[in-house]
Amino acid sequence: MDTGAEKVVKIWSPETGEFLRNLTGHTQGLSDISWSSDSAYLASASDDTTIRIWDVETVGNHRSSLSKEDR
């Protein structure tokens, strides 16, 4: 995985090092990422004040989003 000032999470295969996909949707830079314990989901937090939950098996479609407006 790669994050940073970009708005995109980039996923590579841990076995081959091959680039697999981009996860897009944030409107500002990424601040944190975390895998679920079963590696099926990835959470990405952004400076746009949202957290996206990604279903890795469905080619990066995000499953849900949370933002400070959801409080």
PDB file of N, CA and C in Angstrom:
ATOM      1  N   MET A   1       0.830  -1.170   0.000  1.00  0.00           N
ATOM      2  CA  MET A   1       0.000   0.000   0.000  1.00  0.00           C
ATOM      3  C   MET A   1       0.877   1.235   0.000  1.00  0.00           C
ATOM      4  N   ASP A   2       0.303   2.289  -0.545  1.00  0.00           N
ATOM      5  CA  ASP A   2       0.981   3.571  -0.559  1.00  0.00           C
ATOM      6  C   ASP A   2      -0.060   4.637  -0.288  1.00  0.00           C
ATOM      7  N   THR A   3       0.287   5.573   0.562  1.00  0.00           N
ATOM      8  CA  THR A   3      -0.596   6.691   0.858  1.00  0.00           C
ATOM      9  C   THR A   3       0.267   7.938   0.928  1.00  0.00           C
ATOM     10  N   GLY A   4      -0.307   9.023   1.369  1.00  0.00           N
ATOM     11  CA  GLY A   4       0.465  10.248   1.529  1.00  0.00           C
ATOM     12  C   GLY A   4      -0.345  11.432   1.096  1.00  0.00           C
ATOM     13  N   ALA A   5       0.325  12.411   0.478  1.00  0.00           N
ATOM     14  CA  ALA A   5      -0.351  13.624   0.051  1.00  0.00           C
ATOM     15  C   ALA A   5      -1.374  13.337  -1.043  1.00  0.00           C
ATOM     16  N   GLU A   6      -1.242  12.192  -1.674  1.00  0.00           N
ATOM     17  CA  GLU A   6      -2.211  11.830  -2.703  1.00  0.00           C
ATOM     18  C   GLU A   6      -3.567  11.520  -2.079  1.00  0.00           C
ATOM     19  N   LYS A   7      -4.586  11.517  -2.908  1.00  0.00           N
ATOM     20  CA  LYS A   7      -5.956  11.208  -2.477  1.00  0.00           C
ATOM     21  C   LYS A   7      -6.303   9.753  -2.751  1.00  0.00           C
ATOM     22  N   VAL A   8      -5.308   8.962  -3.141  1.00  0.00           N
ATOM     23  CA  VAL A   8      -5.524   7.606  -3.635  1.00  0.00           C
ATOM     24  C   VAL A   8      -4.738   6.607  -2.791  1.00  0.00           C
ATOM     25  N   VAL A   9      -5.349   5.463  -2.469  1.00  0.00           N
ATOM     26  CA  VAL A   9      -4.633   4.338  -1.872  1.00  0.00           C
ATOM     27  C   VAL A   9      -4.236   3.425  -3.021  1.00  0.00           C
ATOM     28  N   LYS A  10      -2.969   3.073  -3.095  1.00  0.00           N
ATOM     29  CA  LYS A  10      -2.480   2.177  -4.143  1.00  0.00           C
ATOM     30  C   LYS A  10      -2.171   0.821  -3.515  1.00  0.00           C
ATOM     31  N   ILE A  11      -2.686  -0.238  -4.124  1.00  0.00           N
ATOM     32  CA  ILE A  11      -2.537  -1.595  -3.597  1.00  0.00           C
ATOM     33  C   ILE A  11      -1.621  -2.400  -4.518  1.00  0.00           C
ATOM     34  N   TRP A  12      -0.620  -3.063  -3.901  1.00  0.00           N
ATOM     35  CA  TRP A  12       0.276  -3.967  -4.614  1.00  0.00           C
ATOM     36  C   TRP A  12       0.150  -5.358  -4.004  1.00  0.00           C
ATOM     37  N   SER A  13       0.442  -6.361  -4.796  1.00  0.00           N
ATOM     38  CA  SER A  13       0.457  -7.743  -4.319  1.00  0.00           C
ATOM     39  C   SER A  13       1.655  -7.946  -3.403  1.00  0.00           C
ATOM     40  N   PRO A  14       1.443  -8.485  -2.194  1.00  0.00           N
ATOM     41  CA  PRO A  14       2.591  -8.752  -1.321  1.00  0.00           C
ATOM     42  C   PRO A  14       3.449  -9.906  -1.831  1.00  0.00           C
ATOM     43  N   GLU A  15       2.861 -10.781  -2.636  1.00  0.00           N
ATOM     44  CA  GLU A  15       3.614 -11.930  -3.153  1.00  0.00           C
ATOM     45  C   GLU A  15       4.502 -11.554  -4.332  1.00  0.00           C
ATOM     46  N   THR A  16       3.961 -10.765  -5.278  1.00  0.00           N
ATOM     47  CA  THR A  16       4.681 -10.492  -6.523  1.00  0.00           C
ATOM     48  C   THR A  16       5.198  -9.060  -6.629  1.00  0.00           C
ATOM     49  N   GLY A  17       4.658  -8.161  -5.829  1.00  0.00           N
ATOM     50  CA  GLY A  17       5.018  -6.751  -5.950  1.00  0.00           C
ATOM     51  C   GLY A  17       4.306  -6.065  -7.097  1.00  0.00           C
ATOM     52  N   GLU A  18       3.402  -6.792  -7.767  1.00  0.00           N
ATOM     53  CA  GLU A  18       2.663  -6.247  -8.900  1.00  0.00           C
ATOM     54  C   GLU A  18       1.601  -5.255  -8.412  1.00  0.00           C
ATOM     55  N   PHE A  19       1.474  -4.133  -9.135  1.00  0.00           N
ATOM     56  CA  PHE A  19       0.427  -3.169  -8.829  1.00  0.00           C
ATOM     57  C   PHE A  19      -0.926  -3.795  -9.132  1.00  0.00           C
ATOM     58  N   LEU A  20      -1.891  -3.672  -8.200  1.00  0.00           N
ATOM     59  CA  LEU A  20      -3.203  -4.286  -8.369  1.00  0.00           C
ATOM     60  C   LEU A  20      -4.302  -3.273  -8.690  1.00  0.00           C
ATOM     61  N   ARG A  21      -4.375  -2.200  -7.907  1.00  0.00           N
ATOM     62  CA  ARG A  21      -5.470  -1.249  -8.123  1.00  0.00           C
ATOM     63  C   ARG A  21      -5.272   0.024  -7.319  1.00  0.00           C
ATOM     64  N   ASN A  22      -6.010   1.058  -7.726  1.00  0.00           N
ATOM     65  CA  ASN A  22      -6.132   2.299  -6.971  1.00  0.00           C
ATOM     66  C   ASN A  22      -7.484   2.317  -6.284  1.00  0.00           C
ATOM     67  N   LEU A  23      -7.528   2.836  -5.082  1.00  0.00           N
ATOM     68  CA  LEU A  23      -8.781   3.066  -4.378  1.00  0.00           C
ATOM     69  C   LEU A  23      -8.969   4.582  -4.325  1.00  0.00           C
ATOM     70  N   THR A  24      -9.958   5.077  -5.044  1.00  0.00           N
ATOM     71  CA  THR A  24     -10.164   6.516  -5.150  1.00  0.00           C
ATOM     72  C   THR A  24     -11.475   6.927  -4.498  1.00  0.00           C
ATOM     73  N   GLY A  25     -11.574   8.196  -4.139  1.00  0.00           N
ATOM     74  CA  GLY A  25     -12.815   8.710  -3.572  1.00  0.00           C
ATOM     75  C   GLY A  25     -12.605   9.845  -2.587  1.00  0.00           C
ATOM     76  N   HIS A  26     -11.449   9.884  -1.935  1.00  0.00           N
ATOM     77  CA  HIS A  26     -11.174  10.984  -1.023  1.00  0.00           C
ATOM     78  C   HIS A  26     -10.899  12.254  -1.826  1.00  0.00           C
ATOM     79  N   THR A  27     -11.212  13.398  -1.241  1.00  0.00           N
ATOM     80  CA  THR A  27     -11.004  14.665  -1.932  1.00  0.00           C
ATOM     81  C   THR A  27      -9.779  15.421  -1.432  1.00  0.00           C
ATOM     82  N   GLN A  28      -9.145  14.927  -0.359  1.00  0.00           N
ATOM     83  CA  GLN A  28      -7.900  15.506   0.133  1.00  0.00           C
ATOM     84  C   GLN A  28      -6.943  14.366   0.476  1.00  0.00           C
ATOM     85  N   GLY A  29      -5.738  14.720   0.878  1.00  0.00           N
ATOM     86  CA  GLY A  29      -4.707  13.723   1.156  1.00  0.00           C
ATOM     87  C   GLY A  29      -5.089  12.742   2.245  1.00  0.00           C
ATOM     88  N   LEU A  30      -4.496  11.552   2.184  1.00  0.00           N
ATOM     89  CA  LEU A  30      -4.756  10.499   3.156  1.00  0.00           C
ATOM     90  C   LEU A  30      -3.920  10.711   4.411  1.00  0.00           C
ATOM     91  N   SER A  31      -4.497  10.389   5.556  1.00  0.00           N
ATOM     92  CA  SER A  31      -3.773  10.553   6.815  1.00  0.00           C
ATOM     93  C   SER A  31      -3.502   9.228   7.521  1.00  0.00           C
ATOM     94  N   ASP A  32      -4.283   8.175   7.210  1.00  0.00           N
ATOM     95  CA  ASP A  32      -4.086   6.893   7.885  1.00  0.00           C
ATOM     96  C   ASP A  32      -4.810   5.796   7.118  1.00  0.00           C
ATOM     97  N   ILE A  33      -4.317   4.563   7.267  1.00  0.00           N
ATOM     98  CA  ILE A  33      -4.983   3.389   6.707  1.00  0.00           C
ATOM     99  C   ILE A  33      -4.860   2.241   7.692  1.00  0.00           C
ATOM    100  N   SER A  34      -5.800   1.299   7.616  1.00  0.00           N
ATOM    101  CA  SER A  34      -5.753   0.134   8.493  1.00  0.00           C
ATOM    102  C   SER A  34      -6.519  -1.013   7.845  1.00  0.00           C
ATOM    103  N   TRP A  35      -5.936  -2.222   7.919  1.00  0.00           N
ATOM    104  CA  TRP A  35      -6.585  -3.435   7.412  1.00  0.00           C
ATOM    105  C   TRP A  35      -7.444  -4.057   8.505  1.00  0.00           C
ATOM    106  N   SER A  36      -8.531  -4.729   8.113  1.00  0.00           N
ATOM    107  CA  SER A  36      -9.294  -5.552   9.050  1.00  0.00           C
ATOM    108  C   SER A  36      -8.465  -6.790   9.378  1.00  0.00           C
ATOM    109  N   SER A  37      -8.804  -7.463  10.453  1.00  0.00           N
ATOM    110  CA  SER A  37      -8.020  -8.631  10.882  1.00  0.00           C
ATOM    111  C   SER A  37      -8.039  -9.766   9.862  1.00  0.00           C
ATOM    112  N   ASP A  38      -9.084  -9.848   9.036  1.00  0.00           N
ATOM    113  CA  ASP A  38      -9.152 -10.892   8.010  1.00  0.00           C
ATOM    114  C   ASP A  38      -8.668 -10.411   6.640  1.00  0.00           C
ATOM    115  N   SER A  39      -8.193  -9.175   6.566  1.00  0.00           N
ATOM    116  CA  SER A  39      -7.671  -8.552   5.332  1.00  0.00           C
ATOM    117  C   SER A  39      -8.720  -8.400   4.236  1.00  0.00           C
ATOM    118  N   ALA A  40      -9.989  -8.508   4.570  1.00  0.00           N
ATOM    119  CA  ALA A  40     -11.048  -8.342   3.582  1.00  0.00           C
ATOM    120  C   ALA A  40     -11.423  -6.881   3.378  1.00  0.00           C
ATOM    121  N   TYR A  41     -11.163  -6.047   4.385  1.00  0.00           N
ATOM    122  CA  TYR A  41     -11.541  -4.635   4.327  1.00  0.00           C
ATOM    123  C   TYR A  41     -10.346  -3.757   4.670  1.00  0.00           C
ATOM    124  N   LEU A  42     -10.374  -2.561   4.124  1.00  0.00           N
ATOM    125  CA  LEU A  42      -9.358  -1.566   4.393  1.00  0.00           C
ATOM    126  C   LEU A  42     -10.068  -0.271   4.750  1.00  0.00           C
ATOM    127  N   ALA A  43      -9.637   0.369   5.810  1.00  0.00           N
ATOM    128  CA  ALA A  43     -10.184   1.680   6.190  1.00  0.00           C
ATOM    129  C   ALA A  43      -9.143   2.731   5.845  1.00  0.00           C
ATOM    130  N   SER A  44      -9.581   3.809   5.195  1.00  0.00           N
ATOM    131  CA  SER A  44      -8.683   4.921   4.887  1.00  0.00           C
ATOM    132  C   SER A  44      -9.279   6.198   5.466  1.00  0.00           C
ATOM    133  N   ALA A  45      -8.444   6.968   6.145  1.00  0.00           N
ATOM    134  CA  ALA A  45      -8.851   8.245   6.721  1.00  0.00           C
ATOM    135  C   ALA A  45      -8.167   9.350   5.930  1.00  0.00           C
ATOM    136  N   SER A  46      -8.887  10.459   5.756  1.00  0.00           N
ATOM    137  CA  SER A  46      -8.376  11.532   4.918  1.00  0.00           C
ATOM    138  C   SER A  46      -8.494  12.878   5.608  1.00  0.00           C
ATOM    139  N   ASP A  47      -7.692  13.824   5.124  1.00  0.00           N
ATOM    140  CA  ASP A  47      -7.796  15.200   5.596  1.00  0.00           C
ATOM    141  C   ASP A  47      -9.111  15.841   5.172  1.00  0.00           C
ATOM    142  N   ASP A  48      -9.885  15.186   4.315  1.00  0.00           N
ATOM    143  CA  ASP A  48     -11.218  15.693   3.971  1.00  0.00           C
ATOM    144  C   ASP A  48     -12.244  15.349   5.057  1.00  0.00           C
ATOM    145  N   THR A  49     -11.776  14.843   6.182  1.00  0.00           N
ATOM    146  CA  THR A  49     -12.553  14.467   7.385  1.00  0.00           C
ATOM    147  C   THR A  49     -13.492  13.291   7.147  1.00  0.00           C
ATOM    148  N   THR A  50     -13.124  12.406   6.215  1.00  0.00           N
ATOM    149  CA  THR A  50     -13.917  11.196   6.011  1.00  0.00           C
ATOM    150  C   THR A  50     -13.067   9.962   6.269  1.00  0.00           C
ATOM    151  N   ILE A  51     -13.760   8.880   6.578  1.00  0.00           N
ATOM    152  CA  ILE A  51     -13.170   7.552   6.673  1.00  0.00           C
ATOM    153  C   ILE A  51     -13.941   6.682   5.702  1.00  0.00           C
ATOM    154  N   ARG A  52     -13.238   5.996   4.827  1.00  0.00           N
ATOM    155  CA  ARG A  52     -13.885   5.091   3.875  1.00  0.00           C
ATOM    156  C   ARG A  52     -13.506   3.660   4.215  1.00  0.00           C
ATOM    157  N   ILE A  53     -14.496   2.782   4.157  1.00  0.00           N
ATOM    158  CA  ILE A  53     -14.290   1.354   4.371  1.00  0.00           C
ATOM    159  C   ILE A  53     -14.378   0.696   3.000  1.00  0.00           C
ATOM    160  N   TRP A  54     -13.297   0.042   2.605  1.00  0.00           N
ATOM    161  CA  TRP A  54     -13.200  -0.553   1.272  1.00  0.00           C
ATOM    162  C   TRP A  54     -13.310  -2.063   1.352  1.00  0.00           C
ATOM    163  N   ASP A  55     -14.106  -2.655   0.470  1.00  0.00           N
ATOM    164  CA  ASP A  55     -14.197  -4.101   0.316  1.00  0.00           C
ATOM    165  C   ASP A  55     -13.172  -4.490  -0.741  1.00  0.00           C
ATOM    166  N   VAL A  56     -12.055  -5.034  -0.327  1.00  0.00           N
ATOM    167  CA  VAL A  56     -10.939  -5.302  -1.224  1.00  0.00           C
ATOM    168  C   VAL A  56     -11.310  -6.331  -2.287  1.00  0.00           C
ATOM    169  N   GLU A  57     -12.187  -7.257  -1.978  1.00  0.00           N
ATOM    170  CA  GLU A  57     -12.569  -8.311  -2.921  1.00  0.00           C
ATOM    171  C   GLU A  57     -13.419  -7.800  -4.076  1.00  0.00           C
ATOM    172  N   THR A  58     -14.064  -6.659  -3.928  1.00  0.00           N
ATOM    173  CA  THR A  58     -14.919  -6.144  -5.002  1.00  0.00           C
ATOM    174  C   THR A  58     -14.194  -5.057  -5.796  1.00  0.00           C
ATOM    175  N   VAL A  59     -12.916  -5.271  -6.014  1.00  0.00           N
ATOM    176  CA  VAL A  59     -12.084  -4.398  -6.828  1.00  0.00           C
ATOM    177  C   VAL A  59     -12.116  -2.956  -6.339  1.00  0.00           C
ATOM    178  N   GLY A  60     -12.068  -2.790  -5.022  1.00  0.00           N
ATOM    179  CA  GLY A  60     -11.879  -1.471  -4.463  1.00  0.00           C
ATOM    180  C   GLY A  60     -13.113  -0.620  -4.300  1.00  0.00           C
ATOM    181  N   ASN A  61     -14.292  -1.177  -4.518  1.00  0.00           N
ATOM    182  CA  ASN A  61     -15.495  -0.383  -4.281  1.00  0.00           C
ATOM    183  C   ASN A  61     -15.615  -0.090  -2.801  1.00  0.00           C
ATOM    184  N   HIS A  62     -15.861   1.170  -2.472  1.00  0.00           N
ATOM    185  CA  HIS A  62     -15.960   1.455  -1.044  1.00  0.00           C
ATOM    186  C   HIS A  62     -17.334   1.039  -0.542  1.00  0.00           C
ATOM    187  N   ARG A  63     -17.333   0.491   0.641  1.00  0.00           N
ATOM    188  CA  ARG A  63     -18.521  -0.083   1.249  1.00  0.00           C
ATOM    189  C   ARG A  63     -19.320   0.966   2.011  1.00  0.00           C
ATOM    190  N   SER A  64     -18.629   1.858   2.696  1.00  0.00           N
ATOM    191  CA  SER A  64     -19.322   2.908   3.434  1.00  0.00           C
ATOM    192  C   SER A  64     -18.357   4.060   3.699  1.00  0.00           C
ATOM    193  N   SER A  65     -18.925   5.206   4.004  1.00  0.00           N
ATOM    194  CA  SER A  65     -18.136   6.389   4.310  1.00  0.00           C
ATOM    195  C   SER A  65     -18.670   7.008   5.589  1.00  0.00           C
ATOM    196  N   LEU A  66     -17.772   7.566   6.353  1.00  0.00           N
ATOM    197  CA  LEU A  66     -18.127   8.301   7.559  1.00  0.00           C
ATOM    198  C   LEU A  66     -17.494   9.668   7.450  1.00  0.00           C
ATOM    199  N   SER A  67     -18.201  10.694   7.922  1.00  0.00           N
ATOM    200  CA  SER A  67     -17.614  12.028   7.930  1.00  0.00           C
ATOM    201  C   SER A  67     -18.039  12.747   9.189  1.00  0.00           C
ATOM    202  N   LYS A  68     -17.407  13.874   9.463  1.00  0.00           N
ATOM    203  CA  LYS A  68     -17.758  14.605  10.668  1.00  0.00           C
ATOM    204  C   LYS A  68     -19.191  15.112  10.612  1.00  0.00           C
ATOM    205  N   GLU A  69     -19.764  15.237   9.428  1.00  0.00           N
ATOM    206  CA  GLU A  69     -21.169  15.639   9.294  1.00  0.00           C
ATOM    207  C   GLU A  69     -22.132  14.551   9.750  1.00  0.00           C
ATOM    208  N   ASP A  70     -21.634  13.295   9.866  1.00  0.00           N
ATOM    209  CA  ASP A  70     -22.477  12.173  10.295  1.00  0.00           C
ATOM    210  C   ASP A  70     -22.713  12.147  11.786  1.00  0.00           C
ATOM    211  N   ARG A  71     -22.096  13.038  12.523  1.00  0.00           N
ATOM    212  CA  ARG A  71     -22.244  13.034  13.991  1.00  0.00           C
ATOM    213  C   ARG A  71     -23.629  13.401  14.404  1.00  0.00           C
TER     214      ARG A  71
END
